[in-house]
Amino acid sequence: MKSRGLRVSLERGEELRRTLAGHGLLRSDLGIARTDNYLILPIGESSQEIPEDWGELVEHDFEARPTQQPLRYRDLLSWPEPEKELLPRSFDVIGDIVLIRLPTELAPRKEEVGEALLEFVPGVRVVGLDHGVHGPERRRTVERIAGGGPWKTVHRENGIAFDVDVELAYFSPRLAREHALVARDVATGDRVYDLCCGVGPFTATIAREGRASHVTAVDSNPNAIALLRATLSRGIFATPVVALASPLEEFLPDAPEVERVVLNLPHEGIKYVPSVANAVTPGGRLYYYEVTDRTEITGRGGALRDMLGPSRRFDLASQHVVHPYSPGSDLVAYVLERGS
């Protein structure tokens, strides 16, 4: 059966299959095709949501699955349509764990949603209700609603296997493209700070590319640093990494200037931006991630530049929406470059 497909490398096939399923873009009524070096994943018509660097959009003649599979997890629930309309269209797949957020109205039926997701997403072991990230260590509050086993898993992204514990340390599977974009922007010999690094996906991706002279990863959560060290111990990374469990308030005052600084603290990072900017050497870049109200996005980059003041001479190199965050806001990446 002819359908649109995404042709991806064998190395990233499983990672992208799970990601597409989590965003409701993978067609489950068609089988996955394979060539010598690629997988071709059948996708629906919402392909405008797929970043170009995930793979190549193609037309392909797929084989239909022997039995009709539901196209969406909501199709496994025998609910009235008004209740189904309240269900989120997307969810996060982290290794063999699914996390989903539900509106308050559906809380009494969370177990039904969990069982539907457990059946719908291949290879998933446990489904958790995501109650958000809290506290200075950015720990996620999760509630088991289906399946069993620990909250620790291995998540594959950009060809790297990450140790993740969704309950003990921050990680978002929705930033895979950002991790790769920043890593590609690092020049040979650059020194890098990855601040509020979580389990270190920016760090590991940059270190795997091997152009940086060294990366220093900093997070106040010792569990996150332990998970990053476990990831680094199992792979081959060309760039040396120092992973520190430290609050930014203690690390920044004596931190030498470097060429690349990442600050991914979307809700509270603004209070650190002025002091973080001091760690960027002339000609270097700050990659800052923030949840921004959609009505303010157009002028927000300029406002950040102005906030840093004329003495530092920062310019806005670029900004782009990473993904929607809420009905009225987006996660936005702001790249600020310090004048030479």
C-alpha atoms as a PDB file:
ATOM      1  CA  MET A   1       0.000   0.000   0.000  1.00  0.00           C
ATOM      2  CA  LYS A   2       1.395   3.389  -1.014  1.00  0.00           C
ATOM      3  CA  SER A   3       2.039   5.812   1.847  1.00  0.00           C
ATOM      4  CA  ARG A   4       4.357   8.568   2.896  1.00  0.00           C
ATOM      5  CA  GLY A   5       7.387   7.286   4.747  1.00  0.00           C
ATOM      6  CA  LEU A   6      10.461   8.513   6.593  1.00  0.00           C
ATOM      7  CA  ARG A   7      13.700   6.884   5.461  1.00  0.00           C
ATOM      8  CA  VAL A   8      16.132   6.738   8.397  1.00  0.00           C
ATOM      9  CA  SER A   9      19.471   5.106   9.137  1.00  0.00           C
ATOM     10  CA  LEU A  10      19.451   1.671  10.749  1.00  0.00           C
ATOM     11  CA  GLU A  11      21.378   3.165  13.676  1.00  0.00           C
ATOM     12  CA  ARG A  12      18.564   5.599  14.529  1.00  0.00           C
ATOM     13  CA  GLY A  13      15.647   3.423  13.423  1.00  0.00           C
ATOM     14  CA  GLU A  14      14.368   2.278  16.820  1.00  0.00           C
ATOM     15  CA  GLU A  15      14.843   5.709  18.397  1.00  0.00           C
ATOM     16  CA  LEU A  16      12.853   7.450  15.649  1.00  0.00           C
ATOM     17  CA  ARG A  17      10.161   4.745  15.542  1.00  0.00           C
ATOM     18  CA  ARG A  18       9.434   5.375  19.214  1.00  0.00           C
ATOM     19  CA  THR A  19       9.558   9.135  18.733  1.00  0.00           C
ATOM     20  CA  LEU A  20       7.121   9.065  15.815  1.00  0.00           C
ATOM     21  CA  ALA A  21       4.791   6.784  17.771  1.00  0.00           C
ATOM     22  CA  GLY A  22       4.919   9.152  20.726  1.00  0.00           C
ATOM     23  CA  HIS A  23       3.850  12.048  18.509  1.00  0.00           C
ATOM     24  CA  GLY A  24       1.052  10.066  16.870  1.00  0.00           C
ATOM     25  CA  LEU A  25       2.785  10.185  13.459  1.00  0.00           C
ATOM     26  CA  LEU A  26       3.627   6.497  12.924  1.00  0.00           C
ATOM     27  CA  ARG A  27       1.093   4.425  10.972  1.00  0.00           C
ATOM     28  CA  SER A  28       0.516   1.193  12.860  1.00  0.00           C
ATOM     29  CA  ASP A  29      -1.592  -0.368  10.077  1.00  0.00           C
ATOM     30  CA  LEU A  30       1.467  -0.685   7.818  1.00  0.00           C
ATOM     31  CA  GLY A  31       4.662  -2.625   8.349  1.00  0.00           C
ATOM     32  CA  ILE A  32       8.124  -1.042   8.534  1.00  0.00           C
ATOM     33  CA  ALA A  33      10.194  -1.564   5.360  1.00  0.00           C
ATOM     34  CA  ARG A  34      13.945  -2.253   5.343  1.00  0.00           C
ATOM     35  CA  THR A  35      16.690  -1.866   2.775  1.00  0.00           C
ATOM     36  CA  ASP A  36      20.378  -2.665   3.170  1.00  0.00           C
ATOM     37  CA  ASN A  37      21.201   0.530   5.050  1.00  0.00           C
ATOM     38  CA  TYR A  38      17.862   2.120   5.935  1.00  0.00           C
ATOM     39  CA  LEU A  39      14.490   1.645   7.556  1.00  0.00           C
ATOM     40  CA  ILE A  40      11.432   3.267   6.001  1.00  0.00           C
ATOM     41  CA  LEU A  41       8.847   4.140   8.657  1.00  0.00           C
ATOM     42  CA  PRO A  42       5.238   4.615   7.470  1.00  0.00           C
ATOM     43  CA  ILE A  43       3.843   7.978   8.560  1.00  0.00           C
ATOM     44  CA  GLY A  44       0.549   9.830   8.386  1.00  0.00           C
ATOM     45  CA  GLU A  45      -0.135  13.092   6.628  1.00  0.00           C
ATOM     46  CA  SER A  46       1.089  15.333   9.488  1.00  0.00           C
ATOM     47  CA  SER A  47       4.656  15.089   8.215  1.00  0.00           C
ATOM     48  CA  GLN A  48       5.157  18.861   8.505  1.00  0.00           C
ATOM     49  CA  GLU A  49       5.876  18.161  12.192  1.00  0.00           C
ATOM     50  CA  ILE A  50       8.950  16.054  11.330  1.00  0.00           C
ATOM     51  CA  PRO A  51      12.333  17.862  11.434  1.00  0.00           C
ATOM     52  CA  GLU A  52      14.347  17.556   8.220  1.00  0.00           C
ATOM     53  CA  ASP A  53      17.382  16.046   9.940  1.00  0.00           C
ATOM     54  CA  TRP A  54      15.437  13.002  11.194  1.00  0.00           C
ATOM     55  CA  GLY A  55      15.453  11.473   7.724  1.00  0.00           C
ATOM     56  CA  GLU A  56      14.173  11.759   4.166  1.00  0.00           C
ATOM     57  CA  LEU A  57      10.448  11.929   3.373  1.00  0.00           C
ATOM     58  CA  VAL A  58       9.620   9.416   0.621  1.00  0.00           C
ATOM     59  CA  GLU A  59       6.709   7.615  -0.999  1.00  0.00           C
ATOM     60  CA  HIS A  60       6.904   3.849  -0.493  1.00  0.00           C
ATOM     61  CA  ASP A  61       4.829   0.752  -1.137  1.00  0.00           C
ATOM     62  CA  PHE A  62       4.401  -0.728   2.372  1.00  0.00           C
ATOM     63  CA  GLU A  63       2.934  -4.092   3.284  1.00  0.00           C
ATOM     64  CA  ALA A  64      -0.269  -3.978   5.317  1.00  0.00           C
ATOM     65  CA  ARG A  65      -0.113  -5.589   8.736  1.00  0.00           C
ATOM     66  CA  PRO A  66      -1.903  -8.983   8.887  1.00  0.00           C
ATOM     67  CA  THR A  67      -4.479  -7.669  11.333  1.00  0.00           C
ATOM     68  CA  GLN A  68      -5.847  -4.159  11.545  1.00  0.00           C
ATOM     69  CA  GLN A  69      -4.047  -2.206  14.242  1.00  0.00           C
ATOM     70  CA  PRO A  70      -5.437   0.930  15.895  1.00  0.00           C
ATOM     71  CA  LEU A  71      -4.034   4.133  14.397  1.00  0.00           C
ATOM     72  CA  ARG A  72      -4.182   5.953  17.754  1.00  0.00           C
ATOM     73  CA  TYR A  73      -4.137   4.794  21.364  1.00  0.00           C
ATOM     74  CA  ARG A  74      -7.502   6.484  21.865  1.00  0.00           C
ATOM     75  CA  ASP A  75      -8.990   3.929  19.430  1.00  0.00           C
ATOM     76  CA  LEU A  76      -8.428   1.258  22.101  1.00  0.00           C
ATOM     77  CA  LEU A  77     -10.755   3.070  24.516  1.00  0.00           C
ATOM     78  CA  SER A  78     -14.503   2.525  24.233  1.00  0.00           C
ATOM     79  CA  TRP A  79     -15.315   6.005  25.469  1.00  0.00           C
ATOM     80  CA  PRO A  80     -17.805   8.545  24.169  1.00  0.00           C
ATOM     81  CA  GLU A  81     -16.212  10.881  21.618  1.00  0.00           C
ATOM     82  CA  PRO A  82     -16.436  13.986  23.869  1.00  0.00           C
ATOM     83  CA  GLU A  83     -14.262  12.202  26.447  1.00  0.00           C
ATOM     84  CA  LYS A  84     -11.811  11.002  23.794  1.00  0.00           C
ATOM     85  CA  GLU A  85     -11.388  14.594  22.628  1.00  0.00           C
ATOM     86  CA  LEU A  86      -9.913  15.414  26.042  1.00  0.00           C
ATOM     87  CA  LEU A  87      -7.083  12.900  25.556  1.00  0.00           C
ATOM     88  CA  PRO A  88      -3.619  14.305  24.706  1.00  0.00           C
ATOM     89  CA  ARG A  89      -2.580  13.554  21.151  1.00  0.00           C
ATOM     90  CA  SER A  90       1.068  13.022  22.099  1.00  0.00           C
ATOM     91  CA  PHE A  91       3.074  11.406  24.874  1.00  0.00           C
ATOM     92  CA  ASP A  92       6.758  10.800  25.616  1.00  0.00           C
ATOM     93  CA  VAL A  93       8.521   7.502  25.009  1.00  0.00           C
ATOM     94  CA  ILE A  94      11.758   7.216  27.024  1.00  0.00           C
ATOM     95  CA  GLY A  95      13.416   3.858  26.516  1.00  0.00           C
ATOM     96  CA  ASP A  96      10.740   1.315  27.465  1.00  0.00           C
ATOM     97  CA  ILE A  97       8.737   3.874  29.486  1.00  0.00           C
ATOM     98  CA  VAL A  98       5.793   6.003  28.364  1.00  0.00           C
ATOM     99  CA  LEU A  99       4.965   9.252  30.172  1.00  0.00           C
ATOM    100  CA  ILE A 100       1.739  11.150  29.605  1.00  0.00           C
ATOM    101  CA  ARG A 101       0.018  14.181  31.106  1.00  0.00           C
ATOM    102  CA  LEU A 102      -3.748  14.094  31.530  1.00  0.00           C
ATOM    103  CA  PRO A 103      -6.285  16.843  32.153  1.00  0.00           C
ATOM    104  CA  THR A 104      -7.922  16.823  35.582  1.00  0.00           C
ATOM    105  CA  GLU A 105     -11.211  15.565  34.124  1.00  0.00           C
ATOM    106  CA  LEU A 106      -9.585  12.284  33.076  1.00  0.00           C
ATOM    107  CA  ALA A 107      -7.747  11.568  36.347  1.00  0.00           C
ATOM    108  CA  PRO A 108     -10.386   9.028  37.508  1.00  0.00           C
ATOM    109  CA  ARG A 109      -9.800   7.023  34.296  1.00  0.00           C
ATOM    110  CA  LYS A 110      -6.004   7.155  34.257  1.00  0.00           C
ATOM    111  CA  GLU A 111      -5.573   3.365  34.553  1.00  0.00           C
ATOM    112  CA  GLU A 112      -7.638   2.839  31.390  1.00  0.00           C
ATOM    113  CA  VAL A 113      -5.413   5.280  29.529  1.00  0.00           C
ATOM    114  CA  GLY A 114      -2.320   3.522  30.879  1.00  0.00           C
ATOM    115  CA  GLU A 115      -3.483   0.107  29.711  1.00  0.00           C
ATOM    116  CA  ALA A 116      -4.312   1.496  26.260  1.00  0.00           C
ATOM    117  CA  LEU A 117      -0.815   2.963  25.907  1.00  0.00           C
ATOM    118  CA  LEU A 118       0.780  -0.239  27.183  1.00  0.00           C
ATOM    119  CA  GLU A 119      -1.001  -2.122  24.403  1.00  0.00           C
ATOM    120  CA  PHE A 120      -0.487   0.534  21.739  1.00  0.00           C
ATOM    121  CA  VAL A 121       3.261   1.282  21.990  1.00  0.00           C
ATOM    122  CA  PRO A 122       5.434  -1.739  21.095  1.00  0.00           C
ATOM    123  CA  GLY A 123       8.072  -2.753  23.622  1.00  0.00           C
ATOM    124  CA  VAL A 124       6.818  -0.525  26.452  1.00  0.00           C
ATOM    125  CA  ARG A 125       7.144  -1.906  29.975  1.00  0.00           C
ATOM    126  CA  VAL A 126       5.546   0.756  32.173  1.00  0.00           C
ATOM    127  CA  VAL A 127       3.287   3.791  31.711  1.00  0.00           C
ATOM    128  CA  GLY A 128       3.542   6.766  34.066  1.00  0.00           C
ATOM    129  CA  LEU A 129       1.343   9.785  34.686  1.00  0.00           C
ATOM    130  CA  ASP A 130       3.599  12.834  34.532  1.00  0.00           C
ATOM    131  CA  HIS A 131       2.863  15.377  37.272  1.00  0.00           C
ATOM    132  CA  GLY A 132       5.662  17.720  36.212  1.00  0.00           C
ATOM    133  CA  VAL A 133       9.196  18.654  37.230  1.00  0.00           C
ATOM    134  CA  HIS A 134       9.692  20.121  40.695  1.00  0.00           C
ATOM    135  CA  GLY A 135      12.380  21.476  43.030  1.00  0.00           C
ATOM    136  CA  PRO A 136      15.942  22.691  42.515  1.00  0.00           C
ATOM    137  CA  GLU A 137      17.087  19.231  41.385  1.00  0.00           C
ATOM    138  CA  ARG A 138      14.356  19.128  38.704  1.00  0.00           C
ATOM    139  CA  ARG A 139      12.939  15.774  39.678  1.00  0.00           C
ATOM    140  CA  ARG A 140       9.847  14.571  37.856  1.00  0.00           C
ATOM    141  CA  THR A 141       6.881  13.350  39.883  1.00  0.00           C
ATOM    142  CA  VAL A 142       5.549  10.231  38.169  1.00  0.00           C
ATOM    143  CA  GLU A 143       2.671   7.925  39.056  1.00  0.00           C
ATOM    144  CA  ARG A 144       2.523   4.381  37.714  1.00  0.00           C
ATOM    145  CA  ILE A 145      -0.775   3.761  35.869  1.00  0.00           C
ATOM    146  CA  ALA A 146       0.079   0.560  33.954  1.00  0.00           C
ATOM    147  CA  GLY A 147       2.844  -2.022  33.706  1.00  0.00           C
ATOM    148  CA  GLY A 148       5.656  -2.604  36.153  1.00  0.00           C
ATOM    149  CA  GLY A 149       9.352  -2.417  36.925  1.00  0.00           C
ATOM    150  CA  PRO A 150      11.735   0.425  37.810  1.00  0.00           C
ATOM    151  CA  TRP A 151      11.751   3.965  36.444  1.00  0.00           C
ATOM    152  CA  LYS A 152      15.304   3.496  35.199  1.00  0.00           C
ATOM    153  CA  THR A 153      15.823   2.717  31.521  1.00  0.00           C
ATOM    154  CA  VAL A 154      18.186   3.131  28.579  1.00  0.00           C
ATOM    155  CA  HIS A 155      17.071   5.664  25.973  1.00  0.00           C
ATOM    156  CA  ARG A 156      18.667   5.778  22.516  1.00  0.00           C
ATOM    157  CA  GLU A 157      19.051   9.132  20.805  1.00  0.00           C
ATOM    158  CA  ASN A 158      21.328  10.329  18.000  1.00  0.00           C
ATOM    159  CA  GLY A 159      23.144   7.000  18.135  1.00  0.00           C
ATOM    160  CA  ILE A 160      23.911   7.252  21.873  1.00  0.00           C
ATOM    161  CA  ALA A 161      22.506   5.027  24.633  1.00  0.00           C
ATOM    162  CA  PHE A 162      21.670   7.198  27.662  1.00  0.00           C
ATOM    163  CA  ASP A 163      21.138   5.969  31.204  1.00  0.00           C
ATOM    164  CA  VAL A 164      17.907   7.645  32.366  1.00  0.00           C
ATOM    165  CA  ASP A 165      15.851   7.484  35.538  1.00  0.00           C
ATOM    166  CA  VAL A 166      12.691   9.503  34.881  1.00  0.00           C
ATOM    167  CA  GLU A 167      11.960   9.826  38.604  1.00  0.00           C
ATOM    168  CA  LEU A 168      15.419  10.902  39.803  1.00  0.00           C
ATOM    169  CA  ALA A 169      16.801  13.205  37.082  1.00  0.00           C
ATOM    170  CA  TYR A 170      15.555  15.502  34.326  1.00  0.00           C
ATOM    171  CA  PHE A 171      15.430  14.266  30.741  1.00  0.00           C
ATOM    172  CA  SER A 172      13.221  15.217  27.788  1.00  0.00           C
ATOM    173  CA  PRO A 173      13.076  13.041  24.657  1.00  0.00           C
ATOM    174  CA  ARG A 174      11.713  16.043  22.719  1.00  0.00           C
ATOM    175  CA  LEU A 175      15.096  17.767  22.453  1.00  0.00           C
ATOM    176  CA  ALA A 176      16.998  15.229  20.338  1.00  0.00           C
ATOM    177  CA  ARG A 177      17.189  17.639  17.408  1.00  0.00           C
ATOM    178  CA  GLU A 178      18.480  20.444  19.663  1.00  0.00           C
ATOM    179  CA  HIS A 179      21.218  18.231  21.073  1.00  0.00           C
ATOM    180  CA  ALA A 180      22.394  17.475  17.532  1.00  0.00           C
ATOM    181  CA  LEU A 181      22.092  21.105  16.326  1.00  0.00           C
ATOM    182  CA  VAL A 182      24.204  22.486  19.167  1.00  0.00           C
ATOM    183  CA  ALA A 183      26.789  19.707  18.808  1.00  0.00           C
ATOM    184  CA  ARG A 184      27.175  20.528  15.098  1.00  0.00           C
ATOM    185  CA  ASP A 185      27.699  24.205  15.941  1.00  0.00           C
ATOM    186  CA  VAL A 186      30.693  23.474  18.168  1.00  0.00           C
ATOM    187  CA  ALA A 187      33.962  24.294  16.411  1.00  0.00           C
ATOM    188  CA  THR A 188      37.289  22.479  16.696  1.00  0.00           C
ATOM    189  CA  GLY A 189      39.014  23.336  19.976  1.00  0.00           C
ATOM    190  CA  ASP A 190      35.970  24.960  21.623  1.00  0.00           C
ATOM    191  CA  ARG A 191      35.585  24.687  25.373  1.00  0.00           C
ATOM    192  CA  VAL A 192      32.007  23.969  26.473  1.00  0.00           C
ATOM    193  CA  TYR A 193      29.893  24.361  29.610  1.00  0.00           C
ATOM    194  CA  ASP A 194      26.648  22.375  29.772  1.00  0.00           C
ATOM    195  CA  LEU A 195      24.823  24.006  32.692  1.00  0.00           C
ATOM    196  CA  CYS A 196      21.823  22.368  34.397  1.00  0.00           C
ATOM    197  CA  CYS A 197      22.787  19.411  32.226  1.00  0.00           C
ATOM    198  CA  GLY A 198      20.378  16.780  33.585  1.00  0.00           C
ATOM    199  CA  VAL A 199      21.557  13.349  32.439  1.00  0.00           C
ATOM    200  CA  GLY A 200      23.808  15.081  29.898  1.00  0.00           C
ATOM    201  CA  PRO A 201      22.383  14.658  26.385  1.00  0.00           C
ATOM    202  CA  PHE A 202      24.008  17.900  25.178  1.00  0.00           C
ATOM    203  CA  THR A 203      27.291  16.871  26.805  1.00  0.00           C
ATOM    204  CA  ALA A 204      27.376  13.342  25.399  1.00  0.00           C
ATOM    205  CA  THR A 205      26.345  14.421  21.890  1.00  0.00           C
ATOM    206  CA  ILE A 206      29.035  17.125  21.807  1.00  0.00           C
ATOM    207  CA  ALA A 207      31.646  14.737  23.243  1.00  0.00           C
ATOM    208  CA  ARG A 208      30.749  12.056  20.697  1.00  0.00           C
ATOM    209  CA  GLU A 209      31.290  14.538  17.825  1.00  0.00           C
ATOM    210  CA  GLY A 210      34.798  15.126  19.190  1.00  0.00           C
ATOM    211  CA  ARG A 211      35.502  18.685  18.013  1.00  0.00           C
ATOM    212  CA  ALA A 212      35.404  20.340  21.460  1.00  0.00           C
ATOM    213  CA  SER A 213      38.630  20.360  23.468  1.00  0.00           C
ATOM    214  CA  HIS A 214      36.660  19.568  26.629  1.00  0.00           C
ATOM    215  CA  VAL A 215      33.153  19.724  28.105  1.00  0.00           C
ATOM    216  CA  THR A 216      32.262  20.584  31.686  1.00  0.00           C
ATOM    217  CA  ALA A 217      28.780  19.352  32.654  1.00  0.00           C
ATOM    218  CA  VAL A 218      27.186  20.850  35.766  1.00  0.00           C
ATOM    219  CA  ASP A 219      23.982  19.969  37.611  1.00  0.00           C
ATOM    220  CA  SER A 220      22.892  20.399  41.219  1.00  0.00           C
ATOM    221  CA  ASN A 221      21.322  16.918  41.203  1.00  0.00           C
ATOM    222  CA  PRO A 222      23.926  14.239  42.037  1.00  0.00           C
ATOM    223  CA  ASN A 223      21.646  11.541  40.578  1.00  0.00           C
ATOM    224  CA  ALA A 224      21.766  13.262  37.191  1.00  0.00           C
ATOM    225  CA  ILE A 225      25.558  13.428  37.286  1.00  0.00           C
ATOM    226  CA  ALA A 226      25.779   9.738  38.267  1.00  0.00           C
ATOM    227  CA  LEU A 227      23.585   8.801  35.286  1.00  0.00           C
ATOM    228  CA  LEU A 228      25.711  10.920  32.922  1.00  0.00           C
ATOM    229  CA  ARG A 229      28.871   9.242  34.184  1.00  0.00           C
ATOM    230  CA  ALA A 230      27.278   5.832  33.598  1.00  0.00           C
ATOM    231  CA  THR A 231      26.444   6.824  30.008  1.00  0.00           C
ATOM    232  CA  LEU A 232      29.981   8.058  29.379  1.00  0.00           C
ATOM    233  CA  SER A 233      31.477   4.872  30.849  1.00  0.00           C
ATOM    234  CA  ARG A 234      29.681   2.686  28.294  1.00  0.00           C
ATOM    235  CA  GLY A 235      30.465   4.603  25.113  1.00  0.00           C
ATOM    236  CA  ILE A 236      33.381   5.918  23.094  1.00  0.00           C
ATOM    237  CA  PHE A 237      33.547   9.698  23.393  1.00  0.00           C
ATOM    238  CA  ALA A 238      36.358  11.599  21.719  1.00  0.00           C
ATOM    239  CA  THR A 239      36.157  14.724  23.911  1.00  0.00           C
ATOM    240  CA  PRO A 240      37.117  14.651  27.616  1.00  0.00           C
ATOM    241  CA  VAL A 241      34.206  15.391  29.977  1.00  0.00           C
ATOM    242  CA  VAL A 242      34.226  16.624  33.560  1.00  0.00           C
ATOM    243  CA  ALA A 243      30.854  16.044  35.265  1.00  0.00           C
ATOM    244  CA  LEU A 244      30.242  18.096  38.413  1.00  0.00           C
ATOM    245  CA  ALA A 245      27.422  17.939  40.971  1.00  0.00           C
ATOM    246  CA  SER A 246      27.224  21.614  41.907  1.00  0.00           C
ATOM    247  CA  PRO A 247      24.718  24.473  42.103  1.00  0.00           C
ATOM    248  CA  LEU A 248      25.304  27.183  39.489  1.00  0.00           C
ATOM    249  CA  GLU A 249      25.733  29.730  42.281  1.00  0.00           C
ATOM    250  CA  GLU A 250      28.869  27.881  43.375  1.00  0.00           C
ATOM    251  CA  PHE A 251      30.237  27.006  39.951  1.00  0.00           C
ATOM    252  CA  LEU A 252      29.867  30.287  38.027  1.00  0.00           C
ATOM    253  CA  PRO A 253      31.848  32.826  40.107  1.00  0.00           C
ATOM    254  CA  ASP A 254      35.215  31.163  39.410  1.00  0.00           C
ATOM    255  CA  ALA A 255      34.402  29.636  36.021  1.00  0.00           C
ATOM    256  CA  PRO A 256      36.861  30.655  33.261  1.00  0.00           C
ATOM    257  CA  GLU A 257      35.342  31.945  30.015  1.00  0.00           C
ATOM    258  CA  VAL A 258      34.616  29.381  27.296  1.00  0.00           C
ATOM    259  CA  GLU A 259      33.429  29.431  23.676  1.00  0.00           C
ATOM    260  CA  ARG A 260      30.119  27.577  24.081  1.00  0.00           C
ATOM    261  CA  VAL A 261      27.666  27.622  27.001  1.00  0.00           C
ATOM    262  CA  VAL A 262      24.353  25.732  27.115  1.00  0.00           C
ATOM    263  CA  LEU A 263      21.690  26.731  29.658  1.00  0.00           C
ATOM    264  CA  ASN A 264      18.598  24.531  29.473  1.00  0.00           C
ATOM    265  CA  LEU A 265      16.502  25.638  32.451  1.00  0.00           C
ATOM    266  CA  PRO A 266      13.272  26.697  30.730  1.00  0.00           C
ATOM    267  CA  HIS A 267      11.332  28.093  33.695  1.00  0.00           C
ATOM    268  CA  GLU A 268      13.991  29.534  35.988  1.00  0.00           C
ATOM    269  CA  GLY A 269      17.008  30.097  33.782  1.00  0.00           C
ATOM    270  CA  ILE A 270      16.358  33.797  33.298  1.00  0.00           C
ATOM    271  CA  LYS A 271      17.668  34.582  36.782  1.00  0.00           C
ATOM    272  CA  TYR A 272      21.032  33.047  35.827  1.00  0.00           C
ATOM    273  CA  VAL A 273      21.408  34.526  32.340  1.00  0.00           C
ATOM    274  CA  PRO A 274      23.471  37.622  33.344  1.00  0.00           C
ATOM    275  CA  SER A 275      25.994  35.584  35.368  1.00  0.00           C
ATOM    276  CA  VAL A 276      26.069  32.791  32.769  1.00  0.00           C
ATOM    277  CA  ALA A 277      26.812  35.387  30.077  1.00  0.00           C
ATOM    278  CA  ASN A 278      29.971  36.307  31.979  1.00  0.00           C
ATOM    279  CA  ALA A 279      31.272  32.796  31.274  1.00  0.00           C
ATOM    280  CA  VAL A 280      31.094  33.302  27.486  1.00  0.00           C
ATOM    281  CA  THR A 281      34.349  34.424  25.872  1.00  0.00           C
ATOM    282  CA  PRO A 282      34.319  37.147  23.160  1.00  0.00           C
ATOM    283  CA  GLY A 283      33.182  35.498  19.936  1.00  0.00           C
ATOM    284  CA  GLY A 284      31.496  32.678  21.887  1.00  0.00           C
ATOM    285  CA  ARG A 285      27.832  31.654  22.050  1.00  0.00           C
ATOM    286  CA  LEU A 286      25.188  31.102  24.719  1.00  0.00           C
ATOM    287  CA  TYR A 287      22.419  28.603  23.896  1.00  0.00           C
ATOM    288  CA  TYR A 288      19.531  29.513  26.161  1.00  0.00           C
ATOM    289  CA  TYR A 289      16.210  27.627  26.342  1.00  0.00           C
ATOM    290  CA  GLU A 290      13.080  29.252  27.754  1.00  0.00           C
ATOM    291  CA  VAL A 291       9.332  28.673  27.833  1.00  0.00           C
ATOM    292  CA  THR A 292       8.016  31.897  26.280  1.00  0.00           C
ATOM    293  CA  ASP A 293       4.489  33.211  25.851  1.00  0.00           C
ATOM    294  CA  ARG A 294       3.634  33.169  22.134  1.00  0.00           C
ATOM    295  CA  THR A 295       2.690  36.834  22.195  1.00  0.00           C
ATOM    296  CA  GLU A 296       6.241  37.712  23.332  1.00  0.00           C
ATOM    297  CA  ILE A 297       8.386  35.433  21.136  1.00  0.00           C
ATOM    298  CA  THR A 298       9.045  37.936  18.338  1.00  0.00           C
ATOM    299  CA  GLY A 299      10.727  40.482  20.597  1.00  0.00           C
ATOM    300  CA  ARG A 300      12.059  38.197  23.295  1.00  0.00           C
ATOM    301  CA  GLY A 301      15.470  37.604  21.738  1.00  0.00           C
ATOM    302  CA  GLY A 302      16.112  41.310  21.453  1.00  0.00           C
ATOM    303  CA  ALA A 303      14.986  41.827  25.036  1.00  0.00           C
ATOM    304  CA  LEU A 304      17.486  39.205  26.223  1.00  0.00           C
ATOM    305  CA  ARG A 305      20.254  40.918  24.273  1.00  0.00           C
ATOM    306  CA  ASP A 306      19.366  44.287  25.779  1.00  0.00           C
ATOM    307  CA  MET A 307      19.166  42.802  29.278  1.00  0.00           C
ATOM    308  CA  LEU A 308      22.805  41.764  29.046  1.00  0.00           C
ATOM    309  CA  GLY A 309      23.800  45.381  28.545  1.00  0.00           C
ATOM    310  CA  PRO A 310      26.192  47.178  26.182  1.00  0.00           C
ATOM    311  CA  SER A 311      29.352  46.228  28.086  1.00  0.00           C
ATOM    312  CA  ARG A 312      29.070  42.565  27.066  1.00  0.00           C
ATOM    313  CA  ARG A 313      27.993  43.367  23.476  1.00  0.00           C
ATOM    314  CA  PHE A 314      25.836  40.315  22.818  1.00  0.00           C
ATOM    315  CA  ASP A 315      23.879  39.963  19.574  1.00  0.00           C
ATOM    316  CA  LEU A 316      20.984  37.638  18.849  1.00  0.00           C
ATOM    317  CA  ALA A 317      22.428  35.112  16.377  1.00  0.00           C
ATOM    318  CA  SER A 318      19.168  33.180  15.981  1.00  0.00           C
ATOM    319  CA  GLN A 319      16.039  31.971  17.701  1.00  0.00           C
ATOM    320  CA  HIS A 320      13.530  29.239  16.897  1.00  0.00           C
ATOM    321  CA  VAL A 321      10.608  27.381  18.430  1.00  0.00           C
ATOM    322  CA  VAL A 322      11.643  23.932  19.638  1.00  0.00           C
ATOM    323  CA  HIS A 323       8.141  22.627  20.352  1.00  0.00           C
ATOM    324  CA  PRO A 324       4.797  23.769  21.774  1.00  0.00           C
ATOM    325  CA  TYR A 325       4.712  23.736  25.562  1.00  0.00           C
ATOM    326  CA  SER A 326       1.153  24.766  26.440  1.00  0.00           C
ATOM    327  CA  PRO A 327      -1.855  26.256  24.595  1.00  0.00           C
ATOM    328  CA  GLY A 328      -0.290  29.712  24.906  1.00  0.00           C
ATOM    329  CA  SER A 329       3.477  29.139  25.068  1.00  0.00           C
ATOM    330  CA  ASP A 330       6.402  27.424  23.325  1.00  0.00           C
ATOM    331  CA  LEU A 331       9.833  26.188  24.286  1.00  0.00           C
ATOM    332  CA  VAL A 332      12.166  28.525  22.390  1.00  0.00           C
ATOM    333  CA  ALA A 333      15.903  28.329  21.704  1.00  0.00           C
ATOM    334  CA  TYR A 334      17.755  31.657  21.801  1.00  0.00           C
ATOM    335  CA  VAL A 335      21.345  31.752  20.525  1.00  0.00           C
ATOM    336  CA  LEU A 336      23.227  34.818  21.789  1.00  0.00           C
ATOM    337  CA  GLU A 337      26.693  35.596  20.436  1.00  0.00           C
ATOM    338  CA  ARG A 338      29.190  37.774  22.270  1.00  0.00           C
ATOM    339  CA  GLY A 339      31.012  40.398  20.235  1.00  0.00           C
ATOM    340  CA  SER A 340      34.748  39.989  19.703  1.00  0.00           C
END
